[in-house]
């Protein structure tokens, strides 16, 4: 039976998946936010979460624990995945919506010993409270409803997030955009102003400006695992491309880094772009 609760950005619902026992879809105002299978935390339903999962898989040697900061919690799908695939990992999950956290933990409790700590705090405000240079991976996946908040799109935000990352660590951001991809191009320019190595993961139809969809950015001060990501994304049920090197130059050509003074939310998705029942 579905359960719901009023949360900071509207109304959140947990919908059971009739095809999988103990699997739930979290929506906020009809937009899907997370999918969790309590019996199989390694199962990733959403395409963009699978791409983030590939980043986790290639961040270090197989099974090695990671220190991860998740900016944006939802139902902690990716944090559960890290805990299952990399036992001993230490993870901080930052979620601004306390009511959403309570709903998730009441109905989708975390397994004991996951090493996951959740704090109810604005993602940018939390950056000042987290350890400097302690994270192997920082994941920014924050949506106010179906849009990335403006204060999490600027070069100042990325610089603050970068202070949490170890010298050889990774920064990943999940975004959403559609034609003409002006927001995604500006975000690539913004991240490139902080990190020398940047690549972009998305479906070809999104990159060609044919539809609205998710775009995942990956950045670091070290070389990125591009070849392995290309191989993994090509084998996915929903294949995606990795834009890097010359292609990322072409993609971001003419775009300028976003400053706090003119930062704006990500675009409003077209009607029905992400909606579920």
C-alpha atoms as a PDB file:
ATOM      1  CA  UNK A   1       0.000   0.000   0.000  1.00  0.00           C
ATOM      2  CA  UNK A   2       1.408   3.452  -0.881  1.00  0.00           C
ATOM      3  CA  UNK A   3       2.355   5.758   1.976  1.00  0.00           C
ATOM      4  CA  UNK A   4       2.838   9.508   1.835  1.00  0.00           C
ATOM      5  CA  UNK A   5       3.665  12.604   3.793  1.00  0.00           C
ATOM      6  CA  UNK A   6       3.921  16.338   3.256  1.00  0.00           C
ATOM      7  CA  UNK A   7       7.572  17.339   2.923  1.00  0.00           C
ATOM      8  CA  UNK A   8       9.508  20.519   2.281  1.00  0.00           C
ATOM      9  CA  UNK A   9       8.999  20.531  -1.472  1.00  0.00           C
ATOM     10  CA  UNK A  10       5.439  19.244  -1.520  1.00  0.00           C
ATOM     11  CA  UNK A  11       4.118  15.725  -1.051  1.00  0.00           C
ATOM     12  CA  UNK A  12       6.280  12.588  -0.963  1.00  0.00           C
ATOM     13  CA  UNK A  13       4.956   9.107  -1.648  1.00  0.00           C
ATOM     14  CA  UNK A  14       6.436   5.643  -1.341  1.00  0.00           C
ATOM     15  CA  UNK A  15       4.930   3.322  -3.955  1.00  0.00           C
ATOM     16  CA  UNK A  16       5.510  -0.456  -3.791  1.00  0.00           C
ATOM     17  CA  UNK A  17       6.817  -2.158  -6.931  1.00  0.00           C
ATOM     18  CA  UNK A  18       4.401  -4.994  -7.692  1.00  0.00           C
ATOM     19  CA  UNK A  19       7.097  -6.827  -9.658  1.00  0.00           C
ATOM     20  CA  UNK A  20       9.708  -6.964  -6.876  1.00  0.00           C
ATOM     21  CA  UNK A  21       9.144  -7.861  -3.235  1.00  0.00           C
ATOM     22  CA  UNK A  22      10.136  -5.128  -0.755  1.00  0.00           C
ATOM     23  CA  UNK A  23      11.027  -2.652  -3.510  1.00  0.00           C
ATOM     24  CA  UNK A  24       9.759   0.916  -3.350  1.00  0.00           C
ATOM     25  CA  UNK A  25       9.665   4.022  -5.515  1.00  0.00           C
ATOM     26  CA  UNK A  26       9.953   7.403  -3.801  1.00  0.00           C
ATOM     27  CA  UNK A  27       8.287  10.326  -5.573  1.00  0.00           C
ATOM     28  CA  UNK A  28       7.983  14.009  -4.661  1.00  0.00           C
ATOM     29  CA  UNK A  29       5.091  15.805  -6.345  1.00  0.00           C
ATOM     30  CA  UNK A  30       4.910  12.951  -8.842  1.00  0.00           C
ATOM     31  CA  UNK A  31       8.571  13.186  -9.856  1.00  0.00           C
ATOM     32  CA  UNK A  32      10.583  10.010  -9.149  1.00  0.00           C
ATOM     33  CA  UNK A  33      13.348  10.620  -6.623  1.00  0.00           C
ATOM     34  CA  UNK A  34      14.641   7.198  -5.588  1.00  0.00           C
ATOM     35  CA  UNK A  35      14.090   3.477  -6.043  1.00  0.00           C
ATOM     36  CA  UNK A  36      15.120   1.054  -3.293  1.00  0.00           C
ATOM     37  CA  UNK A  37      14.997  -2.737  -3.169  1.00  0.00           C
ATOM     38  CA  UNK A  38      15.414  -3.594   0.507  1.00  0.00           C
ATOM     39  CA  UNK A  39      16.366  -7.190  -0.299  1.00  0.00           C
ATOM     40  CA  UNK A  40      18.863  -6.248  -3.020  1.00  0.00           C
ATOM     41  CA  UNK A  41      20.590  -2.886  -2.433  1.00  0.00           C
ATOM     42  CA  UNK A  42      22.877  -3.582  -5.390  1.00  0.00           C
ATOM     43  CA  UNK A  43      19.893  -3.312  -7.753  1.00  0.00           C
ATOM     44  CA  UNK A  44      19.784   0.127  -9.386  1.00  0.00           C
ATOM     45  CA  UNK A  45      16.599   0.866 -11.305  1.00  0.00           C
ATOM     46  CA  UNK A  46      17.134   4.399 -12.628  1.00  0.00           C
ATOM     47  CA  UNK A  47      19.518   4.880 -15.543  1.00  0.00           C
ATOM     48  CA  UNK A  48      21.322   7.857 -14.010  1.00  0.00           C
ATOM     49  CA  UNK A  49      21.796   6.004 -10.710  1.00  0.00           C
ATOM     50  CA  UNK A  50      23.331   3.108 -12.639  1.00  0.00           C
ATOM     51  CA  UNK A  51      25.814   5.615 -14.067  1.00  0.00           C
ATOM     52  CA  UNK A  52      26.630   6.855 -10.585  1.00  0.00           C
ATOM     53  CA  UNK A  53      27.003   3.202  -9.592  1.00  0.00           C
ATOM     54  CA  UNK A  54      29.562   2.739 -12.367  1.00  0.00           C
ATOM     55  CA  UNK A  55      31.470   5.713 -10.963  1.00  0.00           C
ATOM     56  CA  UNK A  56      31.454   4.063  -7.534  1.00  0.00           C
ATOM     57  CA  UNK A  57      32.623   0.788  -9.093  1.00  0.00           C
ATOM     58  CA  UNK A  58      35.575   2.441 -10.846  1.00  0.00           C
ATOM     59  CA  UNK A  59      36.580   4.820  -8.043  1.00  0.00           C
ATOM     60  CA  UNK A  60      38.947   2.321  -6.424  1.00  0.00           C
ATOM     61  CA  UNK A  61      39.884  -1.359  -6.449  1.00  0.00           C
ATOM     62  CA  UNK A  62      36.889  -3.686  -6.363  1.00  0.00           C
ATOM     63  CA  UNK A  63      35.437  -4.027  -2.863  1.00  0.00           C
ATOM     64  CA  UNK A  64      37.747  -1.463  -1.270  1.00  0.00           C
ATOM     65  CA  UNK A  65      35.925   0.787   1.224  1.00  0.00           C
ATOM     66  CA  UNK A  66      35.329   4.413   0.308  1.00  0.00           C
ATOM     67  CA  UNK A  67      34.687   7.610   2.218  1.00  0.00           C
ATOM     68  CA  UNK A  68      31.701   9.164   0.433  1.00  0.00           C
ATOM     69  CA  UNK A  69      29.711  12.359   0.908  1.00  0.00           C
ATOM     70  CA  UNK A  70      26.242  12.387  -0.649  1.00  0.00           C
ATOM     71  CA  UNK A  71      24.778  15.875  -1.087  1.00  0.00           C
ATOM     72  CA  UNK A  72      21.117  14.993  -1.482  1.00  0.00           C
ATOM     73  CA  UNK A  73      19.758  11.863   0.129  1.00  0.00           C
ATOM     74  CA  UNK A  74      16.359  10.840  -1.177  1.00  0.00           C
ATOM     75  CA  UNK A  75      15.941   7.242  -0.099  1.00  0.00           C
ATOM     76  CA  UNK A  76      19.735   6.688   0.096  1.00  0.00           C
ATOM     77  CA  UNK A  77      19.790   4.390  -2.933  1.00  0.00           C
ATOM     78  CA  UNK A  78      23.415   5.066  -3.857  1.00  0.00           C
ATOM     79  CA  UNK A  79      24.582   5.033  -0.232  1.00  0.00           C
ATOM     80  CA  UNK A  80      22.970   1.611   0.218  1.00  0.00           C
ATOM     81  CA  UNK A  81      24.722   0.441  -2.941  1.00  0.00           C
ATOM     82  CA  UNK A  82      28.115   1.620  -1.686  1.00  0.00           C
ATOM     83  CA  UNK A  83      27.551  -0.096   1.669  1.00  0.00           C
ATOM     84  CA  UNK A  84      26.643  -3.372  -0.073  1.00  0.00           C
ATOM     85  CA  UNK A  85      29.447  -3.389  -2.658  1.00  0.00           C
ATOM     86  CA  UNK A  86      32.170  -1.814  -0.522  1.00  0.00           C
ATOM     87  CA  UNK A  87      31.749  -2.989   3.102  1.00  0.00           C
ATOM     88  CA  UNK A  88      33.485  -0.804   5.653  1.00  0.00           C
ATOM     89  CA  UNK A  89      32.810   2.407   3.746  1.00  0.00           C
ATOM     90  CA  UNK A  90      32.072   5.557   5.732  1.00  0.00           C
ATOM     91  CA  UNK A  91      29.328   7.720   4.296  1.00  0.00           C
ATOM     92  CA  UNK A  92      27.698  11.038   5.129  1.00  0.00           C
ATOM     93  CA  UNK A  93      24.308  11.687   3.553  1.00  0.00           C
ATOM     94  CA  UNK A  94      23.080  15.290   3.607  1.00  0.00           C
ATOM     95  CA  UNK A  95      19.349  15.792   3.036  1.00  0.00           C
ATOM     96  CA  UNK A  96      17.700  19.152   3.704  1.00  0.00           C
ATOM     97  CA  UNK A  97      14.182  17.761   4.135  1.00  0.00           C
ATOM     98  CA  UNK A  98      13.820  16.350   7.644  1.00  0.00           C
ATOM     99  CA  UNK A  99      10.283  15.099   6.976  1.00  0.00           C
ATOM    100  CA  UNK A 100      11.531  13.176   3.949  1.00  0.00           C
ATOM    101  CA  UNK A 101      14.290  11.568   6.022  1.00  0.00           C
ATOM    102  CA  UNK A 102      11.741  10.490   8.634  1.00  0.00           C
ATOM    103  CA  UNK A 103       9.448   8.993   5.978  1.00  0.00           C
ATOM    104  CA  UNK A 104      12.288   7.044   4.379  1.00  0.00           C
ATOM    105  CA  UNK A 105      13.790   5.706   7.601  1.00  0.00           C
ATOM    106  CA  UNK A 106      10.374   4.703   8.948  1.00  0.00           C
ATOM    107  CA  UNK A 107       9.454   2.603   5.927  1.00  0.00           C
ATOM    108  CA  UNK A 108      12.850   1.831   4.344  1.00  0.00           C
ATOM    109  CA  UNK A 109      15.178   1.373   7.326  1.00  0.00           C
ATOM    110  CA  UNK A 110      18.913   1.095   6.767  1.00  0.00           C
ATOM    111  CA  UNK A 111      20.578  -2.199   7.480  1.00  0.00           C
ATOM    112  CA  UNK A 112      22.695  -2.357  10.616  1.00  0.00           C
ATOM    113  CA  UNK A 113      26.392  -1.657  10.147  1.00  0.00           C
ATOM    114  CA  UNK A 114      26.094   0.270   6.896  1.00  0.00           C
ATOM    115  CA  UNK A 115      28.352   3.098   8.055  1.00  0.00           C
ATOM    116  CA  UNK A 116      25.800   5.618   6.756  1.00  0.00           C
ATOM    117  CA  UNK A 117      25.229   8.801   8.738  1.00  0.00           C
ATOM    118  CA  UNK A 118      22.358  11.088   7.761  1.00  0.00           C
ATOM    119  CA  UNK A 119      22.131  14.769   8.625  1.00  0.00           C
ATOM    120  CA  UNK A 120      19.175  17.078   8.017  1.00  0.00           C
ATOM    121  CA  UNK A 121      20.895  20.119   6.580  1.00  0.00           C
ATOM    122  CA  UNK A 122      21.122  22.223   3.441  1.00  0.00           C
ATOM    123  CA  UNK A 123      23.751  20.713   1.163  1.00  0.00           C
ATOM    124  CA  UNK A 124      25.823  23.862   0.807  1.00  0.00           C
ATOM    125  CA  UNK A 125      25.610  24.768   4.474  1.00  0.00           C
ATOM    126  CA  UNK A 126      26.794  21.256   5.387  1.00  0.00           C
ATOM    127  CA  UNK A 127      30.043  21.681   3.458  1.00  0.00           C
ATOM    128  CA  UNK A 128      31.491  23.807   6.251  1.00  0.00           C
ATOM    129  CA  UNK A 129      30.784  21.074   8.821  1.00  0.00           C
ATOM    130  CA  UNK A 130      32.302  18.105   6.980  1.00  0.00           C
ATOM    131  CA  UNK A 131      35.987  17.067   7.180  1.00  0.00           C
ATOM    132  CA  UNK A 132      38.385  18.724   4.736  1.00  0.00           C
ATOM    133  CA  UNK A 133      40.133  16.484   2.185  1.00  0.00           C
ATOM    134  CA  UNK A 134      38.546  13.350   3.648  1.00  0.00           C
ATOM    135  CA  UNK A 135      36.294  12.060   0.872  1.00  0.00           C
ATOM    136  CA  UNK A 136      37.159   9.658  -1.921  1.00  0.00           C
ATOM    137  CA  UNK A 137      33.943  10.686  -3.653  1.00  0.00           C
ATOM    138  CA  UNK A 138      31.483  13.566  -3.322  1.00  0.00           C
ATOM    139  CA  UNK A 139      28.151  13.096  -5.103  1.00  0.00           C
ATOM    140  CA  UNK A 140      25.908  16.122  -5.649  1.00  0.00           C
ATOM    141  CA  UNK A 141      22.381  14.904  -6.423  1.00  0.00           C
ATOM    142  CA  UNK A 142      20.114  17.595  -5.009  1.00  0.00           C
ATOM    143  CA  UNK A 143      16.721  18.430  -6.449  1.00  0.00           C
ATOM    144  CA  UNK A 144      14.089  20.752  -5.053  1.00  0.00           C
ATOM    145  CA  UNK A 145      11.174  18.874  -6.563  1.00  0.00           C
ATOM    146  CA  UNK A 146      12.445  18.360 -10.131  1.00  0.00           C
ATOM    147  CA  UNK A 147      15.014  21.195 -10.285  1.00  0.00           C
ATOM    148  CA  UNK A 148      18.554  21.695  -8.996  1.00  0.00           C
ATOM    149  CA  UNK A 149      18.527  24.658  -6.546  1.00  0.00           C
ATOM    150  CA  UNK A 150      20.351  27.753  -7.795  1.00  0.00           C
ATOM    151  CA  UNK A 151      22.831  27.971  -4.897  1.00  0.00           C
ATOM    152  CA  UNK A 152      24.153  24.501  -5.821  1.00  0.00           C
ATOM    153  CA  UNK A 153      25.015  25.420  -9.418  1.00  0.00           C
ATOM    154  CA  UNK A 154      27.794  27.988  -8.964  1.00  0.00           C
ATOM    155  CA  UNK A 155      31.562  27.782  -9.164  1.00  0.00           C
ATOM    156  CA  UNK A 156      31.698  28.898  -5.513  1.00  0.00           C
ATOM    157  CA  UNK A 157      29.650  25.825  -4.541  1.00  0.00           C
ATOM    158  CA  UNK A 158      31.877  23.481  -6.536  1.00  0.00           C
ATOM    159  CA  UNK A 159      34.991  24.998  -4.962  1.00  0.00           C
ATOM    160  CA  UNK A 160      33.544  24.472  -1.493  1.00  0.00           C
ATOM    161  CA  UNK A 161      32.640  20.862  -2.335  1.00  0.00           C
ATOM    162  CA  UNK A 162      36.123  20.281  -3.765  1.00  0.00           C
ATOM    163  CA  UNK A 163      37.642  21.092  -0.360  1.00  0.00           C
ATOM    164  CA  UNK A 164      36.078  17.901   1.002  1.00  0.00           C
ATOM    165  CA  UNK A 165      37.803  15.674  -1.556  1.00  0.00           C
ATOM    166  CA  UNK A 166      41.139  13.921  -1.213  1.00  0.00           C
ATOM    167  CA  UNK A 167      43.789  14.947  -3.795  1.00  0.00           C
ATOM    168  CA  UNK A 168      42.998  11.865  -5.894  1.00  0.00           C
ATOM    169  CA  UNK A 169      39.251  11.846  -5.130  1.00  0.00           C
ATOM    170  CA  UNK A 170      36.262  12.294  -7.426  1.00  0.00           C
ATOM    171  CA  UNK A 171      33.398  14.774  -7.720  1.00  0.00           C
ATOM    172  CA  UNK A 172      30.167  13.658  -9.403  1.00  0.00           C
ATOM    173  CA  UNK A 173      27.005  15.661 -10.036  1.00  0.00           C
ATOM    174  CA  UNK A 174      23.625  14.553 -11.335  1.00  0.00           C
ATOM    175  CA  UNK A 175      21.862  17.241 -13.365  1.00  0.00           C
ATOM    176  CA  UNK A 176      18.856  17.431 -15.655  1.00  0.00           C
ATOM    177  CA  UNK A 177      18.508  19.448 -18.841  1.00  0.00           C
ATOM    178  CA  UNK A 178      16.971  19.501 -22.285  1.00  0.00           C
ATOM    179  CA  UNK A 179      17.431  21.344 -25.560  1.00  0.00           C
ATOM    180  CA  UNK A 180      19.376  23.559 -26.095  1.00  0.00           C
ATOM    181  CA  UNK A 181      21.380  22.167 -23.119  1.00  0.00           C
ATOM    182  CA  UNK A 182      22.458  25.638 -21.985  1.00  0.00           C
ATOM    183  CA  UNK A 183      22.307  24.633 -18.309  1.00  0.00           C
ATOM    184  CA  UNK A 184      24.419  21.491 -18.811  1.00  0.00           C
ATOM    185  CA  UNK A 185      27.003  23.369 -20.883  1.00  0.00           C
ATOM    186  CA  UNK A 186      27.308  26.046 -18.217  1.00  0.00           C
ATOM    187  CA  UNK A 187      27.682  23.379 -15.532  1.00  0.00           C
ATOM    188  CA  UNK A 188      30.513  21.733 -17.473  1.00  0.00           C
ATOM    189  CA  UNK A 189      32.247  25.123 -17.676  1.00  0.00           C
ATOM    190  CA  UNK A 190      31.633  25.645 -13.950  1.00  0.00           C
ATOM    191  CA  UNK A 191      33.113  22.308 -12.920  1.00  0.00           C
ATOM    192  CA  UNK A 192      36.063  22.736 -15.321  1.00  0.00           C
ATOM    193  CA  UNK A 193      36.911  25.991 -13.542  1.00  0.00           C
ATOM    194  CA  UNK A 194      37.684  23.902 -10.443  1.00  0.00           C
ATOM    195  CA  UNK A 195      38.836  20.485 -11.738  1.00  0.00           C
ATOM    196  CA  UNK A 196      41.223  19.909 -14.660  1.00  0.00           C
ATOM    197  CA  UNK A 197      39.723  16.545 -15.599  1.00  0.00           C
ATOM    198  CA  UNK A 198      36.012  16.422 -16.485  1.00  0.00           C
ATOM    199  CA  UNK A 199      33.795  14.024 -18.395  1.00  0.00           C
ATOM    200  CA  UNK A 200      30.059  13.811 -18.979  1.00  0.00           C
ATOM    201  CA  UNK A 201      27.803  10.725 -18.965  1.00  0.00           C
ATOM    202  CA  UNK A 202      24.413  10.785 -20.694  1.00  0.00           C
ATOM    203  CA  UNK A 203      22.260   9.115 -23.308  1.00  0.00           C
ATOM    204  CA  UNK A 204      23.011  10.106 -26.882  1.00  0.00           C
ATOM    205  CA  UNK A 205      19.491  11.468 -27.396  1.00  0.00           C
ATOM    206  CA  UNK A 206      19.963  13.866 -24.460  1.00  0.00           C
ATOM    207  CA  UNK A 207      23.392  14.979 -25.660  1.00  0.00           C
ATOM    208  CA  UNK A 208      21.989  15.644 -29.138  1.00  0.00           C
ATOM    209  CA  UNK A 209      19.293  17.857 -27.663  1.00  0.00           C
ATOM    210  CA  UNK A 210      16.428  15.598 -28.695  1.00  0.00           C
ATOM    211  CA  UNK A 211      14.873  15.165 -25.257  1.00  0.00           C
ATOM    212  CA  UNK A 212      15.030  16.223 -21.619  1.00  0.00           C
ATOM    213  CA  UNK A 213      17.002  13.899 -19.347  1.00  0.00           C
ATOM    214  CA  UNK A 214      19.716  13.361 -16.772  1.00  0.00           C
ATOM    215  CA  UNK A 215      23.340  14.323 -17.292  1.00  0.00           C
ATOM    216  CA  UNK A 216      26.047  13.115 -14.901  1.00  0.00           C
ATOM    217  CA  UNK A 217      29.299  15.061 -14.578  1.00  0.00           C
ATOM    218  CA  UNK A 218      32.463  13.444 -13.225  1.00  0.00           C
ATOM    219  CA  UNK A 219      35.556  15.456 -12.299  1.00  0.00           C
ATOM    220  CA  UNK A 220      38.878  15.101 -10.532  1.00  0.00           C
ATOM    221  CA  UNK A 221      42.447  16.343 -10.293  1.00  0.00           C
ATOM    222  CA  UNK A 222      43.583  12.930 -11.524  1.00  0.00           C
ATOM    223  CA  UNK A 223      42.944  11.022 -14.712  1.00  0.00           C
ATOM    224  CA  UNK A 224      39.408   9.695 -14.912  1.00  0.00           C
ATOM    225  CA  UNK A 225      38.543   6.024 -15.596  1.00  0.00           C
ATOM    226  CA  UNK A 226      37.117   6.948 -18.994  1.00  0.00           C
ATOM    227  CA  UNK A 227      37.888   3.702 -20.830  1.00  0.00           C
ATOM    228  CA  UNK A 228      36.248   1.563 -18.146  1.00  0.00           C
ATOM    229  CA  UNK A 229      33.232   3.862 -17.960  1.00  0.00           C
ATOM    230  CA  UNK A 230      32.824   3.702 -21.752  1.00  0.00           C
ATOM    231  CA  UNK A 231      32.847  -0.086 -21.592  1.00  0.00           C
ATOM    232  CA  UNK A 232      30.344  -0.265 -18.744  1.00  0.00           C
ATOM    233  CA  UNK A 233      27.941   2.302 -20.170  1.00  0.00           C
ATOM    234  CA  UNK A 234      27.965   0.652 -23.583  1.00  0.00           C
ATOM    235  CA  UNK A 235      26.880  -2.629 -21.952  1.00  0.00           C
ATOM    236  CA  UNK A 236      24.037  -1.103 -19.939  1.00  0.00           C
ATOM    237  CA  UNK A 237      20.393  -1.922 -20.751  1.00  0.00           C
ATOM    238  CA  UNK A 238      20.082   1.802 -21.547  1.00  0.00           C
ATOM    239  CA  UNK A 239      23.456   2.614 -23.154  1.00  0.00           C
ATOM    240  CA  UNK A 240      25.019   6.017 -22.635  1.00  0.00           C
ATOM    241  CA  UNK A 241      27.984   7.944 -23.951  1.00  0.00           C
ATOM    242  CA  UNK A 242      31.003   9.411 -22.184  1.00  0.00           C
ATOM    243  CA  UNK A 243      32.018  12.826 -23.479  1.00  0.00           C
ATOM    244  CA  UNK A 244      35.636  13.731 -22.631  1.00  0.00           C
ATOM    245  CA  UNK A 245      38.779  15.376 -23.955  1.00  0.00           C
ATOM    246  CA  UNK A 246      38.062  17.102 -27.292  1.00  0.00           C
ATOM    247  CA  UNK A 247      34.355  16.277 -27.181  1.00  0.00           C
ATOM    248  CA  UNK A 248      33.890  17.945 -23.799  1.00  0.00           C
ATOM    249  CA  UNK A 249      35.661  21.005 -25.236  1.00  0.00           C
ATOM    250  CA  UNK A 250      33.195  21.111 -28.107  1.00  0.00           C
ATOM    251  CA  UNK A 251      30.214  20.515 -25.818  1.00  0.00           C
ATOM    252  CA  UNK A 252      31.104  23.409 -23.486  1.00  0.00           C
ATOM    253  CA  UNK A 253      32.371  25.794 -26.180  1.00  0.00           C
ATOM    254  CA  UNK A 254      31.261  29.350 -25.424  1.00  0.00           C
ATOM    255  CA  UNK A 255      29.825  28.524 -21.987  1.00  0.00           C
ATOM    256  CA  UNK A 256      30.994  30.501 -18.965  1.00  0.00           C
ATOM    257  CA  UNK A 257      31.270  29.354 -15.327  1.00  0.00           C
ATOM    258  CA  UNK A 258      28.234  30.208 -13.200  1.00  0.00           C
ATOM    259  CA  UNK A 259      28.771  32.736 -10.411  1.00  0.00           C
ATOM    260  CA  UNK A 260      26.692  33.029  -7.249  1.00  0.00           C
ATOM    261  CA  UNK A 261      25.570  36.472  -8.416  1.00  0.00           C
ATOM    262  CA  UNK A 262      23.604  35.090 -11.370  1.00  0.00           C
ATOM    263  CA  UNK A 263      23.107  31.407 -10.529  1.00  0.00           C
ATOM    264  CA  UNK A 264      19.709  29.974 -11.446  1.00  0.00           C
ATOM    265  CA  UNK A 265      17.797  26.731 -10.950  1.00  0.00           C
ATOM    266  CA  UNK A 266      18.024  24.011 -13.554  1.00  0.00           C
ATOM    267  CA  UNK A 267      15.263  24.159 -16.186  1.00  0.00           C
ATOM    268  CA  UNK A 268      11.726  23.091 -15.423  1.00  0.00           C
ATOM    269  CA  UNK A 269      11.196  19.646 -16.977  1.00  0.00           C
ATOM    270  CA  UNK A 270       8.538  19.426 -19.681  1.00  0.00           C
ATOM    271  CA  UNK A 271       5.150  18.140 -18.483  1.00  0.00           C
ATOM    272  CA  UNK A 272       5.373  14.391 -17.976  1.00  0.00           C
ATOM    273  CA  UNK A 273       9.136  14.185 -18.462  1.00  0.00           C
ATOM    274  CA  UNK A 274       9.673  12.336 -15.181  1.00  0.00           C
ATOM    275  CA  UNK A 275       6.145  11.959 -13.820  1.00  0.00           C
ATOM    276  CA  UNK A 276       4.803   8.658 -12.579  1.00  0.00           C
ATOM    277  CA  UNK A 277       1.332   7.663 -11.446  1.00  0.00           C
END
